[in-house]
Protein backbone atom coordinates (compact mmCIF):
# COMPACT_ATOMS: atom_id res chain seq x y z
CA MET A 1 -67.15 240.43 3.98
CA LYS A 2 -67.89 238.97 7.41
CA ILE A 3 -69.11 241.40 10.06
CA VAL A 4 -69.40 240.36 13.70
CA VAL A 5 -71.59 242.56 15.90
CA LEU A 6 -70.91 242.40 19.64
CA GLU A 7 -74.07 242.74 21.73
CA LYS A 8 -74.87 242.78 25.43
CA GLN A 9 -78.09 241.95 27.22
CA VAL A 10 -78.68 244.67 29.81
CA PRO A 11 -81.33 245.31 32.50
CA ASP A 12 -84.37 247.21 31.26
CA SER A 13 -84.72 249.09 34.52
CA THR A 14 -82.99 251.55 36.82
CA GLU A 15 -84.33 249.62 39.83
CA ILE A 16 -81.46 247.17 40.10
CA THR A 17 -79.37 246.20 43.10
CA VAL A 18 -75.74 245.26 43.57
CA ASP A 19 -74.35 242.19 45.29
CA LYS A 20 -72.53 243.65 48.31
CA LYS A 21 -70.02 240.79 48.34
CA THR A 22 -69.04 240.64 44.66
CA GLY A 23 -69.99 244.14 43.48
CA ALA A 24 -71.81 242.59 40.50
CA LEU A 25 -75.30 243.61 39.36
CA ILE A 26 -78.12 241.34 40.52
CA ARG A 27 -80.01 240.64 37.30
CA ASP A 28 -82.45 237.99 38.52
CA GLY A 29 -86.06 239.01 37.98
CA VAL A 30 -85.13 242.15 36.02
CA PRO A 31 -86.41 242.40 32.40
CA ALA A 32 -83.59 242.47 29.85
CA ILE A 33 -83.12 244.28 26.54
CA THR A 34 -80.41 244.62 23.92
CA ASN A 35 -78.05 247.46 24.74
CA PRO A 36 -79.08 250.49 22.58
CA ASP A 37 -75.59 251.30 21.26
CA ASP A 38 -75.25 247.65 20.18
CA LEU A 39 -78.57 247.76 18.33
CA ALA A 40 -77.24 250.72 16.35
CA GLY A 41 -74.18 248.66 15.50
CA LEU A 42 -76.36 245.80 14.28
CA GLU A 43 -78.43 248.13 12.12
CA ALA A 44 -75.23 249.59 10.65
CA ALA A 45 -74.05 246.08 9.77
CA LEU A 46 -77.41 245.18 8.21
CA GLU A 47 -77.35 248.36 6.12
CA LEU A 48 -73.97 247.25 4.74
CA LYS A 49 -75.50 243.85 4.01
CA ASP A 50 -78.39 245.56 2.19
CA LYS A 51 -75.85 247.20 -0.12
CA ASN A 52 -73.84 244.00 -0.57
CA PRO A 53 -75.94 240.83 -0.10
CA ASP A 54 -72.80 238.67 -0.02
CA THR A 55 -71.95 240.20 3.37
CA GLU A 56 -72.34 237.83 6.33
CA VAL A 57 -73.52 239.34 9.62
CA VAL A 58 -73.00 237.46 12.89
CA VAL A 59 -74.28 238.65 16.27
CA MET A 60 -72.17 237.60 19.27
CA THR A 61 -72.60 237.95 23.01
CA MET A 62 -71.22 236.60 26.26
CA GLY A 63 -73.77 235.88 28.96
CA LEU A 64 -76.26 233.50 30.51
CA PRO A 65 -78.10 230.94 28.34
CA LYS A 66 -81.13 233.26 28.25
CA ALA A 67 -79.06 235.72 26.17
CA ALA A 68 -79.73 233.39 23.23
CA GLU A 69 -83.17 235.03 22.95
CA MET A 70 -81.48 238.40 22.29
CA LEU A 71 -79.35 236.80 19.58
CA LYS A 72 -82.48 235.31 18.00
CA GLU A 73 -83.95 238.82 17.84
CA GLY A 74 -80.81 239.91 15.97
CA VAL A 75 -81.19 237.05 13.51
CA ALA A 76 -84.87 237.94 13.10
CA MET A 77 -83.77 241.47 12.19
CA GLY A 78 -81.56 240.11 9.43
CA ALA A 79 -78.31 238.71 10.85
CA ASP A 80 -77.20 235.33 9.46
CA LYS A 81 -76.46 233.62 12.78
CA GLY A 82 -75.73 234.18 16.45
CA VAL A 83 -72.85 233.06 18.66
CA LEU A 84 -73.32 232.74 22.43
CA LEU A 85 -70.38 232.48 24.81
CA THR A 86 -71.74 230.95 27.98
CA ASP A 87 -69.96 229.12 30.78
CA ARG A 88 -69.93 229.30 34.58
CA VAL A 89 -66.20 229.99 34.34
CA LEU A 90 -66.95 233.25 32.49
CA GLY A 91 -69.37 234.53 35.15
CA GLY A 92 -68.36 237.74 36.91
CA SER A 93 -65.93 238.85 34.21
CA ASP A 94 -65.05 242.54 34.17
CA THR A 95 -64.27 244.35 30.92
CA CYS A 96 -60.70 243.06 30.89
CA ALA A 97 -61.73 239.41 31.23
CA THR A 98 -64.68 239.87 28.89
CA SER A 99 -62.40 241.16 26.14
CA ILE A 100 -60.21 238.07 26.51
CA ALA A 101 -63.19 235.79 25.94
CA LEU A 102 -64.60 237.84 23.06
CA ALA A 103 -61.23 238.04 21.31
CA ALA A 104 -60.85 234.25 21.55
CA ALA A 105 -64.35 233.74 20.12
CA LEU A 106 -63.71 236.22 17.30
CA LYS A 107 -60.54 234.40 16.33
CA LYS A 108 -62.50 231.15 16.25
CA VAL A 109 -65.39 232.36 14.06
CA GLY A 110 -63.35 234.76 11.90
CA PHE A 111 -64.17 238.34 10.86
CA ASP A 112 -63.33 241.25 8.59
CA LEU A 113 -65.04 243.93 10.67
CA VAL A 114 -66.14 243.96 14.31
CA ILE A 115 -68.86 246.39 15.39
CA ALA A 116 -69.56 247.03 19.07
CA GLY A 117 -71.72 249.60 20.81
CA ARG A 118 -69.86 252.51 22.35
CA GLN A 119 -70.84 251.42 25.87
CA ALA A 120 -73.43 249.44 27.79
CA ILE A 121 -76.09 251.24 29.81
CA ASP A 122 -75.50 249.04 32.85
CA GLY A 123 -71.73 249.53 33.20
CA ASP A 124 -71.07 252.70 31.15
CA THR A 125 -67.36 251.86 30.84
CA ALA A 126 -66.94 252.04 27.02
CA GLN A 127 -63.98 249.66 27.44
CA VAL A 128 -64.96 246.30 25.95
CA GLY A 129 -64.71 247.32 22.28
CA PRO A 130 -61.30 249.00 22.58
CA GLN A 131 -59.91 246.26 24.83
CA THR A 132 -61.07 243.57 22.39
CA ALA A 133 -59.32 245.39 19.55
CA GLU A 134 -56.13 245.47 21.64
CA ARG A 135 -56.39 241.72 22.31
CA LEU A 136 -56.74 241.13 18.56
CA ASP A 137 -53.95 243.64 17.77
CA ILE A 138 -56.06 245.41 15.14
CA PRO A 139 -57.05 249.08 14.60
CA GLN A 140 -60.04 250.59 16.39
CA ILE A 141 -62.27 253.61 15.81
CA THR A 142 -64.58 254.67 18.64
CA TYR A 143 -67.66 256.94 18.81
CA VAL A 144 -68.71 256.21 15.23
CA ASP A 145 -71.77 258.19 14.14
CA GLU A 146 -71.79 257.21 10.46
CA ILE A 147 -70.12 254.66 8.20
CA LEU A 148 -69.16 256.57 5.07
CA GLU A 149 -67.42 253.96 2.93
CA VAL A 150 -66.27 250.36 3.13
CA LYS A 151 -63.70 249.04 0.68
CA GLU A 152 -62.10 245.64 0.39
CA ASP A 153 -59.23 246.63 2.69
CA SER A 154 -60.41 249.74 4.55
CA ILE A 155 -63.32 251.53 6.22
CA THR A 156 -64.01 255.27 6.48
CA VAL A 157 -66.29 256.62 9.21
CA LYS A 158 -67.35 259.80 10.93
CA ARG A 159 -66.54 260.06 14.65
CA SER A 160 -68.73 262.32 16.77
CA LEU A 161 -67.01 263.67 19.88
CA GLU A 162 -68.21 266.30 22.35
CA ASP A 163 -66.89 269.31 20.46
CA VAL A 164 -65.64 268.02 17.12
CA GLU A 165 -66.41 265.58 14.31
CA GLN A 166 -63.64 263.60 12.62
CA ILE A 167 -63.43 261.63 9.37
CA VAL A 168 -61.22 258.60 9.99
CA THR A 169 -60.05 255.76 7.74
CA ALA A 170 -58.67 252.49 9.09
CA LYS A 171 -57.38 249.32 7.50
CA LEU A 172 -59.45 246.16 7.77
CA PRO A 173 -59.82 244.10 9.85
CA CYS A 174 -60.68 246.55 12.60
CA VAL A 175 -63.09 247.27 15.46
CA ILE A 176 -65.50 250.20 15.48
CA THR A 177 -67.81 251.28 18.31
CA THR A 178 -71.13 252.90 17.46
CA LEU A 179 -73.43 255.54 18.96
CA SER A 180 -77.12 254.78 19.48
CA GLY A 181 -78.19 257.95 17.65
CA MET A 182 -76.54 257.03 14.35
CA ASN A 183 -79.60 255.22 13.00
CA LYS A 184 -82.99 253.72 13.78
CA PRO A 185 -82.84 249.92 14.17
CA ARG A 186 -85.26 248.00 11.95
CA TYR A 187 -87.99 245.70 13.20
CA MET A 188 -87.76 241.92 13.18
CA GLN A 189 -88.99 240.35 9.92
CA CYS A 190 -91.71 237.69 9.85
CA ASP A 191 -89.91 235.47 7.33
CA ASN A 192 -86.74 235.51 9.47
CA ILE A 193 -88.77 234.52 12.54
CA VAL A 194 -90.25 231.59 10.59
CA ASP A 195 -86.75 230.51 9.53
CA LEU A 196 -85.66 230.53 13.18
CA CYS A 197 -88.48 228.12 13.99
CA LYS A 198 -87.20 225.75 11.31
CA GLU A 199 -83.48 226.02 12.05
CA ASP A 200 -81.48 226.83 15.18
CA LYS A 201 -79.06 229.54 14.07
CA ILE A 202 -77.44 230.10 17.48
CA GLU A 203 -74.02 228.53 18.05
CA VAL A 204 -73.02 228.03 21.69
CA LEU A 205 -69.35 228.18 22.71
CA THR A 206 -67.98 227.19 26.11
CA ASN A 207 -64.74 228.23 27.74
CA ALA A 208 -63.22 224.83 27.00
CA GLU A 209 -64.03 225.17 23.28
CA LEU A 210 -62.37 228.59 23.25
CA GLY A 211 -59.27 227.22 24.98
CA ILE A 212 -59.05 230.05 27.52
CA ASP A 213 -57.11 229.68 30.77
CA PRO A 214 -59.84 229.77 33.48
CA GLU A 215 -57.55 231.88 35.65
CA THR A 216 -57.79 234.76 33.13
CA VAL A 217 -61.59 235.08 32.99
CA GLY A 218 -64.50 235.29 35.41
CA PHE A 219 -63.98 236.63 38.91
CA LYS A 220 -60.51 235.07 39.06
CA GLY A 221 -59.29 236.88 35.97
CA SER A 222 -60.92 240.25 36.70
CA PRO A 223 -58.57 242.88 38.16
CA THR A 224 -61.45 245.34 38.61
CA SER A 225 -63.37 245.33 41.89
CA VAL A 226 -66.27 247.52 43.02
CA LYS A 227 -65.42 249.16 46.34
CA THR A 228 -68.82 250.72 46.96
CA THR A 229 -71.98 251.82 45.18
CA PHE A 230 -74.43 254.59 45.96
CA THR A 231 -77.40 256.43 44.53
CA LYS A 232 -76.68 260.04 43.67
CA ASP A 233 -78.81 262.48 45.64
CA VAL A 234 -81.25 264.55 43.61
CA THR A 235 -81.97 268.08 44.86
CA ASP A 236 -84.35 270.81 43.84
CA LYS A 237 -81.49 273.23 43.30
CA THR A 238 -81.86 275.03 39.98
CA GLU A 239 -79.85 277.45 37.91
CA VAL A 240 -81.67 280.29 36.17
CA PHE A 241 -80.57 281.73 32.82
CA THR A 242 -81.92 284.79 31.04
CA LEU A 243 -81.41 284.09 27.37
CA SER A 244 -82.90 284.79 23.98
CA GLU A 245 -84.74 282.05 22.11
CA GLN A 246 -81.70 281.30 19.94
CA GLU A 247 -79.34 281.28 22.92
CA THR A 248 -81.69 278.92 24.76
CA ALA A 249 -81.83 276.56 21.79
CA ASP A 250 -78.02 276.64 21.46
CA MET A 251 -77.53 275.87 25.16
CA ILE A 252 -79.98 272.96 25.09
CA ALA A 253 -78.36 271.52 21.97
CA LYS A 254 -74.87 271.91 23.45
CA THR A 255 -75.87 270.18 26.69
CA LEU A 256 -77.57 267.28 24.90
CA LYS A 257 -74.56 266.81 22.63
CA GLU A 258 -72.12 266.84 25.56
CA LYS A 259 -74.14 264.05 27.16
CA GLN A 260 -74.19 262.13 23.84
CA ILE A 261 -78.01 262.21 23.85
CA ILE A 262 -77.79 263.73 20.39
CA THR A 263 -74.82 263.64 18.03
CA LYS A 264 -75.65 266.24 15.42
């Protein structure tokens, strides 16, 4: 089985600014990390590889050349290789244009299962995974909290929604999107880091190699535009509840689950 994990490099800070002309985030000078939901997806893929060593795990991202460092971290965790989509033509892509590029890259490298994080902490759209599945015309399962079983032609998972959990089976190939709370990502392994020093396991793909019409990606191919941005005001207004210990615990748990901070 070949599993491709879609990752995104996101700002490791809430102190970011927005380009007033383009509406895009200004990322220069801001430390970057791997999006948490995507890390959970990578760990889920590596756990499947642990059970079946013949499984190939590929980490893929679209971004600036520096995103290769994030892919190397994924390989150091246990992935077999990384694929970086990078090209000036792709810059400024919204979720619609991004899914076009990712779908083209996935077709090029091949896959049996695609795992993407539920959403990125910088955009919070939760659209790239589902849109990519639509571009590929394959099934999708979102909000996955646990992978229960993988067979040769199907996958069964548990979805965790705000007020209900669902057991869903889909035919392979398919796309699933994962929640950050589903597991605890492993650390990078020393022997994998040494291997990276000996062999470059990051493949770089440009727009020309993917054969994408430049008019369909980047700013030109992005139908989404940011009209305005603002920082939400924080007030000292509070709401007081008089509850028993059990009622307090239930309310806290319910609130955290609604905000997807916890899933169980």
